[in-house]
Amino acid sequence: ESKIDTLKAEVASFEMFRDQLQEEYDAERFGEKTSRTSGIVG
C-alpha cells in the first residue's frame, strides 16, 4: 500500500506540474502579466 501511495503521489505531483503549465499557457493567451508570462494577448 505504501508503494501504491508513492506511485499515486508521483502522478499527482506531475499533474500539479501540468496544471501549472496550463495556467501559464492560459495567462499567456489572455495577456496576463506574471513573472513567467509576457503579458501579450494572443
PDB file of all heavy atoms in Angstrom:
ATOM      1  N   GLU A   1       0.826  -1.207   0.000  1.00  0.00           N
ATOM      2  CA  GLU A   1       0.000   0.000   0.000  1.00  0.00           C
ATOM      3  C   GLU A   1       0.861   1.258   0.000  1.00  0.00           C
ATOM      4  O   GLU A   1       0.511   2.269  -0.618  1.00  0.00           O
ATOM      5  CB  GLU A   1      -0.919  -0.018   1.226  1.00  0.00           C
ATOM      6  CG  GLU A   1      -2.037  -1.052   1.136  1.00  0.00           C
ATOM      7  CD  GLU A   1      -2.875  -1.088   2.398  1.00  0.00           C
ATOM      8  OE1 GLU A   1      -2.429  -0.490   3.401  1.00  0.00           O
ATOM      9  OE2 GLU A   1      -3.962  -1.704   2.385  1.00  0.00           O
ATOM     10  N   SER A   2       1.991   1.179   0.679  1.00  0.00           N
ATOM     11  CA  SER A   2       2.913   2.324   0.671  1.00  0.00           C
ATOM     12  C   SER A   2       3.472   2.571  -0.729  1.00  0.00           C
ATOM     13  O   SER A   2       3.595   3.728  -1.171  1.00  0.00           O
ATOM     14  CB  SER A   2       4.041   2.081   1.668  1.00  0.00           C
ATOM     15  OG  SER A   2       4.978   3.127   1.646  1.00  0.00           O
ATOM     16  N   LYS A   3       3.781   1.496  -1.447  1.00  0.00           N
ATOM     17  CA  LYS A   3       4.272   1.656  -2.821  1.00  0.00           C
ATOM     18  C   LYS A   3       3.194   2.255  -3.721  1.00  0.00           C
ATOM     19  O   LYS A   3       3.476   3.104  -4.573  1.00  0.00           O
ATOM     20  CB  LYS A   3       4.716   0.298  -3.369  1.00  0.00           C
ATOM     21  CG  LYS A   3       5.981  -0.245  -2.706  1.00  0.00           C
ATOM     22  CD  LYS A   3       6.359  -1.591  -3.305  1.00  0.00           C
ATOM     23  CE  LYS A   3       7.633  -2.138  -2.642  1.00  0.00           C
ATOM     24  NZ  LYS A   3       8.021  -3.454  -3.217  1.00  0.00           N
ATOM     25  N   ILE A   4       1.948   1.796  -3.534  1.00  0.00           N
ATOM     26  CA  ILE A   4       0.844   2.357  -4.331  1.00  0.00           C
ATOM     27  C   ILE A   4       0.682   3.845  -4.045  1.00  0.00           C
ATOM     28  O   ILE A   4       0.481   4.655  -4.963  1.00  0.00           O
ATOM     29  CB  ILE A   4      -0.457   1.592  -4.031  1.00  0.00           C
ATOM     30  CG1 ILE A   4      -0.372   0.168  -4.598  1.00  0.00           C
ATOM     31  CG2 ILE A   4      -1.658   2.302  -4.639  1.00  0.00           C
ATOM     32  CD1 ILE A   4      -1.560  -0.707  -4.253  1.00  0.00           C
ATOM     33  N   ASP A   5       0.758   4.215  -2.775  1.00  0.00           N
ATOM     34  CA  ASP A   5       0.648   5.633  -2.417  1.00  0.00           C
ATOM     35  C   ASP A   5       1.781   6.446  -3.057  1.00  0.00           C
ATOM     36  O   ASP A   5       1.566   7.591  -3.502  1.00  0.00           O
ATOM     37  CB  ASP A   5       0.682   5.796  -0.896  1.00  0.00           C
ATOM     38  CG  ASP A   5      -0.555   5.225  -0.231  1.00  0.00           C
ATOM     39  OD1 ASP A   5      -1.585   5.076  -0.925  1.00  0.00           O
ATOM     40  OD2 ASP A   5      -0.488   4.901   0.980  1.00  0.00           O
ATOM     41  N   THR A   6       2.969   5.842  -3.120  1.00  0.00           N
ATOM     42  CA  THR A   6       4.101   6.546  -3.747  1.00  0.00           C
ATOM     43  C   THR A   6       3.853   6.761  -5.235  1.00  0.00           C
ATOM     44  O   THR A   6       4.107   7.857  -5.778  1.00  0.00           O
ATOM     45  CB  THR A   6       5.393   5.746  -3.536  1.00  0.00           C
ATOM     46  OG1 THR A   6       5.609   5.570  -2.131  1.00  0.00           O
ATOM     47  CG2 THR A   6       6.595   6.452  -4.146  1.00  0.00           C
ATOM     48  N   LEU A   7       3.344   5.738  -5.910  1.00  0.00           N
ATOM     49  CA  LEU A   7       3.044   5.871  -7.339  1.00  0.00           C
ATOM     50  C   LEU A   7       1.947   6.898  -7.580  1.00  0.00           C
ATOM     51  O   LEU A   7       2.028   7.712  -8.518  1.00  0.00           O
ATOM     52  CB  LEU A   7       2.643   4.509  -7.915  1.00  0.00           C
ATOM     53  CG  LEU A   7       3.744   3.434  -7.948  1.00  0.00           C
ATOM     54  CD1 LEU A   7       3.168   2.092  -8.368  1.00  0.00           C
ATOM     55  CD2 LEU A   7       4.877   3.845  -8.890  1.00  0.00           C
ATOM     56  N   LYS A   8       0.922   6.878  -6.737  1.00  0.00           N
ATOM     57  CA  LYS A   8      -0.159   7.852  -6.897  1.00  0.00           C
ATOM     58  C   LYS A   8       0.338   9.268  -6.605  1.00  0.00           C
ATOM     59  O   LYS A   8      -0.074  10.235  -7.264  1.00  0.00           O
ATOM     60  CB  LYS A   8      -1.315   7.504  -5.973  1.00  0.00           C
ATOM     61  CG  LYS A   8      -2.070   6.257  -6.398  1.00  0.00           C
ATOM     62  CD  LYS A   8      -3.239   5.969  -5.452  1.00  0.00           C
ATOM     63  CE  LYS A   8      -4.039   4.751  -5.912  1.00  0.00           C
ATOM     64  NZ  LYS A   8      -5.173   4.469  -5.008  1.00  0.00           N
ATOM     65  N   ALA A   9       1.223   9.381  -5.625  1.00  0.00           N
ATOM     66  CA  ALA A   9       1.775  10.702  -5.304  1.00  0.00           C
ATOM     67  C   ALA A   9       2.632  11.227  -6.455  1.00  0.00           C
ATOM     68  O   ALA A   9       2.646  12.435  -6.748  1.00  0.00           O
ATOM     69  CB  ALA A   9       2.594  10.617  -4.016  1.00  0.00           C
ATOM     70  N   GLU A  10       3.336  10.300  -7.132  1.00  0.00           N
ATOM     71  CA  GLU A  10       4.148  10.715  -8.279  1.00  0.00           C
ATOM     72  C   GLU A  10       3.266  11.254  -9.396  1.00  0.00           C
ATOM     73  O   GLU A  10       3.555  12.303 -10.001  1.00  0.00           O
ATOM     74  CB  GLU A  10       4.969   9.521  -8.773  1.00  0.00           C
ATOM     75  CG  GLU A  10       5.910   9.858  -9.916  1.00  0.00           C
ATOM     76  CD  GLU A  10       6.691   8.639 -10.374  1.00  0.00           C
ATOM     77  OE1 GLU A  10       6.491   7.547  -9.788  1.00  0.00           O
ATOM     78  OE2 GLU A  10       7.487   8.759 -11.322  1.00  0.00           O
ATOM     79  N   VAL A  11       2.159  10.576  -9.658  1.00  0.00           N
ATOM     80  CA  VAL A  11       1.230  11.040 -10.688  1.00  0.00           C
ATOM     81  C   VAL A  11       0.607  12.359 -10.276  1.00  0.00           C
ATOM     82  O   VAL A  11       0.475  13.301 -11.089  1.00  0.00           O
ATOM     83  CB  VAL A  11       0.147   9.978 -10.937  1.00  0.00           C
ATOM     84  CG1 VAL A  11      -0.915  10.521 -11.889  1.00  0.00           C
ATOM     85  CG2 VAL A  11       0.779   8.715 -11.520  1.00  0.00           C
ATOM     86  N   ALA A  12       0.202  12.477  -8.997  1.00  0.00           N
ATOM     87  CA  ALA A  12      -0.414  13.718  -8.513  1.00  0.00           C
ATOM     88  C   ALA A  12       0.565  14.884  -8.600  1.00  0.00           C
ATOM     89  O   ALA A  12       0.172  16.016  -8.964  1.00  0.00           O
ATOM     90  CB  ALA A  12      -0.896  13.516  -7.074  1.00  0.00           C
ATOM     91  N   SER A  13       1.830  14.607  -8.304  1.00  0.00           N
ATOM     92  CA  SER A  13       2.831  15.669  -8.380  1.00  0.00           C
ATOM     93  C   SER A  13       3.008  16.158  -9.815  1.00  0.00           C
ATOM     94  O   SER A  13       3.099  17.375 -10.081  1.00  0.00           O
ATOM     95  CB  SER A  13       4.166  15.164  -7.824  1.00  0.00           C
ATOM     96  OG  SER A  13       5.177  16.133  -7.962  1.00  0.00           O
ATOM     97  N   PHE A  14       3.035  15.205 -10.766  1.00  0.00           N
ATOM     98  CA  PHE A  14       3.197  15.619 -12.164  1.00  0.00           C
ATOM     99  C   PHE A  14       1.927  16.299 -12.675  1.00  0.00           C
ATOM    100  O   PHE A  14       2.001  17.167 -13.552  1.00  0.00           O
ATOM    101  CB  PHE A  14       3.536  14.409 -13.035  1.00  0.00           C
ATOM    102  CG  PHE A  14       4.259  14.777 -14.286  1.00  0.00           C
ATOM    103  CD1 PHE A  14       5.639  14.956 -14.298  1.00  0.00           C
ATOM    104  CD2 PHE A  14       3.556  15.002 -15.474  1.00  0.00           C
ATOM    105  CE1 PHE A  14       6.306  15.315 -15.468  1.00  0.00           C
ATOM    106  CE2 PHE A  14       4.223  15.367 -16.636  1.00  0.00           C
ATOM    107  CZ  PHE A  14       5.609  15.519 -16.635  1.00  0.00           C
ATOM    108  N   GLU A  15       0.762  15.909 -12.128  1.00  0.00           N
ATOM    109  CA  GLU A  15      -0.466  16.603 -12.506  1.00  0.00           C
ATOM    110  C   GLU A  15      -0.426  18.055 -12.057  1.00  0.00           C
ATOM    111  O   GLU A  15      -0.886  18.956 -12.784  1.00  0.00           O
ATOM    112  CB  GLU A  15      -1.673  15.894 -11.882  1.00  0.00           C
ATOM    113  CG  GLU A  15      -2.043  14.603 -12.578  1.00  0.00           C
ATOM    114  CD  GLU A  15      -3.238  13.932 -11.920  1.00  0.00           C
ATOM    115  OE1 GLU A  15      -3.620  14.379 -10.799  1.00  0.00           O
ATOM    116  OE2 GLU A  15      -3.773  12.974 -12.494  1.00  0.00           O
ATOM    117  N   MET A  16       0.122  18.290 -10.894  1.00  0.00           N
ATOM    118  CA  MET A  16       0.255  19.662 -10.417  1.00  0.00           C
ATOM    119  C   MET A  16       1.176  20.464 -11.344  1.00  0.00           C
ATOM    120  O   MET A  16       0.912  21.638 -11.660  1.00  0.00           O
ATOM    121  CB  MET A  16       0.811  19.674  -8.992  1.00  0.00           C
ATOM    122  CG  MET A  16      -0.154  19.129  -7.953  1.00  0.00           C
ATOM    123  SD  MET A  16       0.572  19.044  -6.301  1.00  0.00           S
ATOM    124  CE  MET A  16       0.897  20.782  -6.033  1.00  0.00           C
ATOM    125  N   PHE A  17       2.254  19.809 -11.832  1.00  0.00           N
ATOM    126  CA  PHE A  17       3.170  20.473 -12.756  1.00  0.00           C
ATOM    127  C   PHE A  17       2.452  20.775 -14.075  1.00  0.00           C
ATOM    128  O   PHE A  17       2.575  21.874 -14.635  1.00  0.00           O
ATOM    129  CB  PHE A  17       4.390  19.590 -12.999  1.00  0.00           C
ATOM    130  CG  PHE A  17       5.333  20.127 -14.020  1.00  0.00           C
ATOM    131  CD1 PHE A  17       6.118  21.252 -13.772  1.00  0.00           C
ATOM    132  CD2 PHE A  17       5.447  19.526 -15.276  1.00  0.00           C
ATOM    133  CE1 PHE A  17       6.983  21.754 -14.747  1.00  0.00           C
ATOM    134  CE2 PHE A  17       6.310  20.023 -16.241  1.00  0.00           C
ATOM    135  CZ  PHE A  17       7.075  21.139 -15.975  1.00  0.00           C
ATOM    136  N   ARG A  18       1.639  19.793 -14.556  1.00  0.00           N
ATOM    137  CA  ARG A  18       0.887  20.015 -15.785  1.00  0.00           C
ATOM    138  C   ARG A  18      -0.128  21.131 -15.613  1.00  0.00           C
ATOM    139  O   ARG A  18      -0.298  21.991 -16.501  1.00  0.00           O
ATOM    140  CB  ARG A  18       0.187  18.705 -16.176  1.00  0.00           C
ATOM    141  CG  ARG A  18      -0.467  18.681 -17.591  1.00  0.00           C
ATOM    142  CD  ARG A  18      -1.851  19.301 -17.621  1.00  0.00           C
ATOM    143  NE  ARG A  18      -2.696  18.923 -16.519  1.00  0.00           N
ATOM    144  CZ  ARG A  18      -3.517  17.862 -16.542  1.00  0.00           C
ATOM    145  NH1 ARG A  18      -3.588  17.117 -17.603  1.00  0.00           N
ATOM    146  NH2 ARG A  18      -4.282  17.603 -15.478  1.00  0.00           N
ATOM    147  N   ASP A  19      -0.803  21.178 -14.447  1.00  0.00           N
ATOM    148  CA  ASP A  19      -1.786  22.236 -14.192  1.00  0.00           C
ATOM    149  C   ASP A  19      -1.113  23.616 -14.137  1.00  0.00           C
ATOM    150  O   ASP A  19      -1.690  24.625 -14.580  1.00  0.00           O
ATOM    151  CB  ASP A  19      -2.512  21.953 -12.879  1.00  0.00           C
ATOM    152  CG  ASP A  19      -3.381  20.703 -12.971  1.00  0.00           C
ATOM    153  OD1 ASP A  19      -3.722  20.285 -14.086  1.00  0.00           O
ATOM    154  OD2 ASP A  19      -3.719  20.137 -11.895  1.00  0.00           O
ATOM    155  N   GLN A  20       0.086  23.618 -13.612  1.00  0.00           N
ATOM    156  CA  GLN A  20       0.823  24.881 -13.569  1.00  0.00           C
ATOM    157  C   GLN A  20       1.135  25.379 -14.978  1.00  0.00           C
ATOM    158  O   GLN A  20       0.992  26.566 -15.288  1.00  0.00           O
ATOM    159  CB  GLN A  20       2.107  24.727 -12.757  1.00  0.00           C
ATOM    160  CG  GLN A  20       2.904  26.016 -12.614  1.00  0.00           C
ATOM    161  CD  GLN A  20       4.190  25.808 -11.823  1.00  0.00           C
ATOM    162  OE1 GLN A  20       4.455  24.723 -11.324  1.00  0.00           O
ATOM    163  NE2 GLN A  20       4.997  26.871 -11.724  1.00  0.00           N
ATOM    164  N   LEU A  21       1.551  24.442 -15.859  1.00  0.00           N
ATOM    165  CA  LEU A  21       1.812  24.814 -17.253  1.00  0.00           C
ATOM    166  C   LEU A  21       0.525  25.269 -17.944  1.00  0.00           C
ATOM    167  O   LEU A  21       0.545  26.185 -18.777  1.00  0.00           O
ATOM    168  CB  LEU A  21       2.429  23.633 -18.001  1.00  0.00           C
ATOM    169  CG  LEU A  21       3.852  23.220 -17.582  1.00  0.00           C
ATOM    170  CD1 LEU A  21       4.299  21.997 -18.369  1.00  0.00           C
ATOM    171  CD2 LEU A  21       4.835  24.375 -17.786  1.00  0.00           C
ATOM    172  N   GLN A  22      -0.591  24.616 -17.581  1.00  0.00           N
ATOM    173  CA  GLN A  22      -1.878  25.013 -18.157  1.00  0.00           C
ATOM    174  C   GLN A  22      -2.233  26.437 -17.745  1.00  0.00           C
ATOM    175  O   GLN A  22      -2.697  27.241 -18.565  1.00  0.00           O
ATOM    176  CB  GLN A  22      -2.966  24.038 -17.692  1.00  0.00           C
ATOM    177  CG  GLN A  22      -4.349  24.341 -18.264  1.00  0.00           C
ATOM    178  CD  GLN A  22      -4.454  24.064 -19.752  1.00  0.00           C
ATOM    179  OE1 GLN A  22      -4.018  23.027 -20.233  1.00  0.00           O
ATOM    180  NE2 GLN A  22      -4.997  25.032 -20.517  1.00  0.00           N
ATOM    181  N   GLU A  23      -1.998  26.774 -16.512  1.00  0.00           N
ATOM    182  CA  GLU A  23      -2.284  28.135 -16.043  1.00  0.00           C
ATOM    183  C   GLU A  23      -1.391  29.169 -16.745  1.00  0.00           C
ATOM    184  O   GLU A  23      -1.850  30.258 -17.125  1.00  0.00           O
ATOM    185  CB  GLU A  23      -2.072  28.203 -14.523  1.00  0.00           C
ATOM    186  CG  GLU A  23      -3.115  27.442 -13.720  1.00  0.00           C
ATOM    187  CD  GLU A  23      -2.818  27.471 -12.242  1.00  0.00           C
ATOM    188  OE1 GLU A  23      -1.782  28.081 -11.860  1.00  0.00           O
ATOM    189  OE2 GLU A  23      -3.601  26.881 -11.467  1.00  0.00           O
ATOM    190  N   GLU A  24      -0.111  28.811 -16.911  1.00  0.00           N
ATOM    191  CA  GLU A  24       0.808  29.739 -17.595  1.00  0.00           C
ATOM    192  C   GLU A  24       0.395  29.919 -19.059  1.00  0.00           C
ATOM    193  O   GLU A  24       0.448  31.040 -19.604  1.00  0.00           O
ATOM    194  CB  GLU A  24       2.240  29.220 -17.508  1.00  0.00           C
ATOM    195  CG  GLU A  24       2.808  29.248 -16.106  1.00  0.00           C
ATOM    196  CD  GLU A  24       4.211  28.671 -16.064  1.00  0.00           C
ATOM    197  OE1 GLU A  24       4.734  28.257 -17.133  1.00  0.00           O
ATOM    198  OE2 GLU A  24       4.800  28.612 -14.954  1.00  0.00           O
ATOM    199  N   TYR A  25      -0.032  28.835 -19.701  1.00  0.00           N
ATOM    200  CA  TYR A  25      -0.464  28.913 -21.105  1.00  0.00           C
ATOM    201  C   TYR A  25      -1.701  29.784 -21.226  1.00  0.00           C
ATOM    202  O   TYR A  25      -1.798  30.646 -22.119  1.00  0.00           O
ATOM    203  CB  TYR A  25      -0.706  27.511 -21.628  1.00  0.00           C
ATOM    204  CG  TYR A  25      -1.339  27.490 -22.994  1.00  0.00           C
ATOM    205  CD1 TYR A  25      -0.631  27.957 -24.120  1.00  0.00           C
ATOM    206  CD2 TYR A  25      -2.642  27.020 -23.171  1.00  0.00           C
ATOM    207  CE1 TYR A  25      -1.217  27.940 -25.376  1.00  0.00           C
ATOM    208  CE2 TYR A  25      -3.226  26.996 -24.426  1.00  0.00           C
ATOM    209  CZ  TYR A  25      -2.511  27.464 -25.531  1.00  0.00           C
ATOM    210  OH  TYR A  25      -3.094  27.465 -26.782  1.00  0.00           O
ATOM    211  N   ASP A  26      -2.655  29.594 -20.306  1.00  0.00           N
ATOM    212  CA  ASP A  26      -3.870  30.413 -20.347  1.00  0.00           C
ATOM    213  C   ASP A  26      -3.560  31.886 -20.075  1.00  0.00           C
ATOM    214  O   ASP A  26      -4.129  32.791 -20.717  1.00  0.00           O
ATOM    215  CB  ASP A  26      -4.876  29.891 -19.317  1.00  0.00           C
ATOM    216  CG  ASP A  26      -5.398  28.509 -19.681  1.00  0.00           C
ATOM    217  OD1 ASP A  26      -5.345  28.143 -20.866  1.00  0.00           O
ATOM    218  OD2 ASP A  26      -5.867  27.794 -18.753  1.00  0.00           O
ATOM    219  N   ALA A  27      -2.660  32.120 -19.129  1.00  0.00           N
ATOM    220  CA  ALA A  27      -2.285  33.505 -18.825  1.00  0.00           C
ATOM    221  C   ALA A  27      -1.598  34.169 -20.004  1.00  0.00           C
ATOM    222  O   ALA A  27      -1.812  35.352 -20.294  1.00  0.00           O
ATOM    223  CB  ALA A  27      -1.398  33.530 -17.585  1.00  0.00           C
ATOM    224  N   GLU A  28      -0.774  33.380 -20.719  1.00  0.00           N
ATOM    225  CA  GLU A  28      -0.056  33.920 -21.876  1.00  0.00           C
ATOM    226  C   GLU A  28      -1.043  34.249 -22.992  1.00  0.00           C
ATOM    227  O   GLU A  28      -0.910  35.281 -23.691  1.00  0.00           O
ATOM    228  CB  GLU A  28       0.990  32.913 -22.347  1.00  0.00           C
ATOM    229  CG  GLU A  28       1.891  33.431 -23.457  1.00  0.00           C
ATOM    230  CD  GLU A  28       2.824  34.526 -22.962  1.00  0.00           C
ATOM    231  OE1 GLU A  28       3.276  34.471 -21.790  1.00  0.00           O
ATOM    232  OE2 GLU A  28       3.058  35.462 -23.727  1.00  0.00           O
ATOM    233  N   ARG A  29      -2.037  33.440 -23.207  1.00  0.00           N
ATOM    234  CA  ARG A  29      -3.009  33.693 -24.270  1.00  0.00           C
ATOM    235  C   ARG A  29      -3.853  34.923 -23.969  1.00  0.00           C
ATOM    236  O   ARG A  29      -4.180  35.697 -24.868  1.00  0.00           O
ATOM    237  CB  ARG A  29      -3.921  32.481 -24.446  1.00  0.00           C
ATOM    238  CG  ARG A  29      -3.276  31.317 -25.178  1.00  0.00           C
ATOM    239  CD  ARG A  29      -4.328  30.290 -25.523  1.00  0.00           C
ATOM    240  NE  ARG A  29      -5.055  29.820 -24.352  1.00  0.00           N
ATOM    241  CZ  ARG A  29      -6.230  29.230 -24.396  1.00  0.00           C
ATOM    242  NH1 ARG A  29      -6.844  29.083 -25.559  1.00  0.00           N
ATOM    243  NH2 ARG A  29      -6.806  28.827 -23.282  1.00  0.00           N
ATOM    244  N   PHE A  30      -4.251  35.054 -22.710  1.00  0.00           N
ATOM    245  CA  PHE A  30      -5.150  36.162 -22.368  1.00  0.00           C
ATOM    246  C   PHE A  30      -4.398  37.424 -21.949  1.00  0.00           C
ATOM    247  O   PHE A  30      -5.015  38.401 -21.538  1.00  0.00           O
ATOM    248  CB  PHE A  30      -6.113  35.745 -21.257  1.00  0.00           C
ATOM    249  CG  PHE A  30      -7.038  34.642 -21.680  1.00  0.00           C
ATOM    250  CD1 PHE A  30      -6.950  33.383 -21.126  1.00  0.00           C
ATOM    251  CD2 PHE A  30      -7.999  34.869 -22.666  1.00  0.00           C
ATOM    252  CE1 PHE A  30      -7.804  32.368 -21.512  1.00  0.00           C
ATOM    253  CE2 PHE A  30      -8.854  33.856 -23.052  1.00  0.00           C
ATOM    254  CZ  PHE A  30      -8.763  32.596 -22.488  1.00  0.00           C
ATOM    255  N   GLY A  31      -3.073  37.422 -22.045  1.00  0.00           N
ATOM    256  CA  GLY A  31      -2.277  38.618 -21.790  1.00  0.00           C
ATOM    257  C   GLY A  31      -2.140  38.992 -20.344  1.00  0.00           C
ATOM    258  O   GLY A  31      -1.979  40.187 -20.031  1.00  0.00           O
ATOM    259  N   GLU A  32      -2.186  38.032 -19.442  1.00  0.00           N
ATOM    260  CA  GLU A  32      -1.955  38.319 -18.034  1.00  0.00           C
ATOM    261  C   GLU A  32      -0.455  38.406 -17.777  1.00  0.00           C
ATOM    262  O   GLU A  32       0.294  37.491 -18.125  1.00  0.00           O
ATOM    263  CB  GLU A  32      -2.586  37.233 -17.147  1.00  0.00           C
ATOM    264  CG  GLU A  32      -4.099  37.184 -17.256  1.00  0.00           C
ATOM    265  CD  GLU A  32      -4.672  36.094 -16.375  1.00  0.00           C
ATOM    266  OE1 GLU A  32      -3.899  35.471 -15.592  1.00  0.00           O
ATOM    267  OE2 GLU A  32      -5.904  35.842 -16.442  1.00  0.00           O
ATOM    268  N   LYS A  33      -0.048  39.492 -17.172  1.00  0.00           N
ATOM    269  CA  LYS A  33       1.376  39.726 -16.930  1.00  0.00           C
ATOM    270  C   LYS A  33       1.778  39.086 -15.602  1.00  0.00           C
ATOM    271  O   LYS A  33       1.274  39.418 -14.529  1.00  0.00           O
ATOM    272  CB  LYS A  33       1.650  41.233 -16.874  1.00  0.00           C
ATOM    273  CG  LYS A  33       3.115  41.606 -16.622  1.00  0.00           C
ATOM    274  CD  LYS A  33       4.019  41.121 -17.744  1.00  0.00           C
ATOM    275  CE  LYS A  33       5.465  41.577 -17.471  1.00  0.00           C
ATOM    276  NZ  LYS A  33       6.401  41.077 -18.481  1.00  0.00           N
ATOM    277  N   THR A  34       2.700  38.088 -15.663  1.00  0.00           N
ATOM    278  CA  THR A  34       3.265  37.442 -14.474  1.00  0.00           C
ATOM    279  C   THR A  34       4.757  37.332 -14.649  1.00  0.00           C
ATOM    280  O   THR A  34       5.325  37.751 -15.671  1.00  0.00           O
ATOM    281  CB  THR A  34       2.659  36.036 -14.276  1.00  0.00           C
ATOM    282  OG1 THR A  34       3.024  35.209 -15.374  1.00  0.00           O
ATOM    283  CG2 THR A  34       1.132  36.107 -14.142  1.00  0.00           C
ATOM    284  N   SER A  35       5.406  36.717 -13.652  1.00  0.00           N
ATOM    285  CA  SER A  35       6.856  36.552 -13.739  1.00  0.00           C
ATOM    286  C   SER A  35       7.243  35.563 -14.819  1.00  0.00           C
ATOM    287  O   SER A  35       8.396  35.540 -15.263  1.00  0.00           O
ATOM    288  CB  SER A  35       7.423  36.104 -12.397  1.00  0.00           C
ATOM    289  OG  SER A  35       6.850  34.860 -12.024  1.00  0.00           O
ATOM    290  N   ARG A  36       6.300  34.726 -15.269  1.00  0.00           N
ATOM    291  CA  ARG A  36       6.618  33.695 -16.256  1.00  0.00           C
ATOM    292  C   ARG A  36       5.881  33.919 -17.572  1.00  0.00           C
ATOM    293  O   ARG A  36       5.943  33.078 -18.469  1.00  0.00           O
ATOM    294  CB  ARG A  36       6.272  32.307 -15.706  1.00  0.00           C
ATOM    295  CG  ARG A  36       7.038  31.973 -14.433  1.00  0.00           C
ATOM    296  CD  ARG A  36       6.677  30.599 -13.932  1.00  0.00           C
ATOM    297  NE  ARG A  36       7.105  29.582 -14.836  1.00  0.00           N
ATOM    298  CZ  ARG A  36       8.314  28.993 -14.847  1.00  0.00           C
ATOM    299  NH1 ARG A  36       9.239  29.379 -13.960  1.00  0.00           N
ATOM    300  NH2 ARG A  36       8.626  28.061 -15.714  1.00  0.00           N
ATOM    301  N   THR A  37       5.110  35.012 -17.692  1.00  0.00           N
ATOM    302  CA  THR A  37       4.390  35.316 -18.937  1.00  0.00           C
ATOM    303  C   THR A  37       4.758  36.738 -19.394  1.00  0.00           C
ATOM    304  O   THR A  37       5.157  37.597 -18.579  1.00  0.00           O
ATOM    305  CB  THR A  37       2.880  35.220 -18.725  1.00  0.00           C
ATOM    306  OG1 THR A  37       2.488  36.130 -17.698  1.00  0.00           O
ATOM    307  CG2 THR A  37       2.479  33.815 -18.327  1.00  0.00           C
ATOM    308  N   SER A  38       4.547  36.967 -20.751  1.00  0.00           N
ATOM    309  CA  SER A  38       4.930  38.255 -21.349  1.00  0.00           C
ATOM    310  C   SER A  38       3.850  39.316 -21.218  1.00  0.00           C
ATOM    311  O   SER A  38       4.105  40.509 -21.348  1.00  0.00           O
ATOM    312  CB  SER A  38       5.262  38.052 -22.830  1.00  0.00           C
ATOM    313  OG  SER A  38       4.114  37.584 -23.528  1.00  0.00           O
ATOM    314  N   GLY A  39       2.614  38.902 -21.031  1.00  0.00           N
ATOM    315  CA  GLY A  39       1.511  39.854 -20.929  1.00  0.00           C
ATOM    316  C   GLY A  39       0.940  40.268 -22.279  1.00  0.00           C
ATOM    317  O   GLY A  39       0.123  41.182 -22.352  1.00  0.00           O
ATOM    318  N   ILE A  40       1.384  39.619 -23.362  1.00  0.00           N
ATOM    319  CA  ILE A  40       0.898  39.939 -24.719  1.00  0.00           C
ATOM    320  C   ILE A  40      -0.286  39.026 -25.016  1.00  0.00           C
ATOM    321  O   ILE A  40      -0.183  37.794 -24.907  1.00  0.00           O
ATOM    322  CB  ILE A  40       2.004  39.756 -25.771  1.00  0.00           C
ATOM    323  CG1 ILE A  40       3.194  40.657 -25.430  1.00  0.00           C
ATOM    324  CG2 ILE A  40       1.475  40.048 -27.164  1.00  0.00           C
ATOM    325  CD1 ILE A  40       4.397  40.430 -26.325  1.00  0.00           C
ATOM    326  N   VAL A  41      -1.406  39.608 -25.449  1.00  0.00           N
ATOM    327  CA  VAL A  41      -2.612  38.837 -25.754  1.00  0.00           C
ATOM    328  C   VAL A  41      -2.445  38.168 -27.101  1.00  0.00           C
ATOM    329  O   VAL A  41      -1.899  38.752 -28.049  1.00  0.00           O
ATOM    330  CB  VAL A  41      -3.853  39.752 -25.766  1.00  0.00           C
ATOM    331  CG1 VAL A  41      -5.104  38.948 -26.089  1.00  0.00           C
ATOM    332  CG2 VAL A  41      -3.994  40.470 -24.434  1.00  0.00           C
ATOM    333  N   GLY A  42      -2.943  36.910 -27.178  1.00  0.00           N
ATOM    334  CA  GLY A  42      -2.929  36.197 -28.440  1.00  0.00           C
ATOM    335  C   GLY A  42      -1.939  35.062 -28.446  1.00  0.00           C
ATOM    336  O   GLY A  42      -1.166  34.854 -27.501  1.00  0.00           O
TER     337      GLY A  42
END
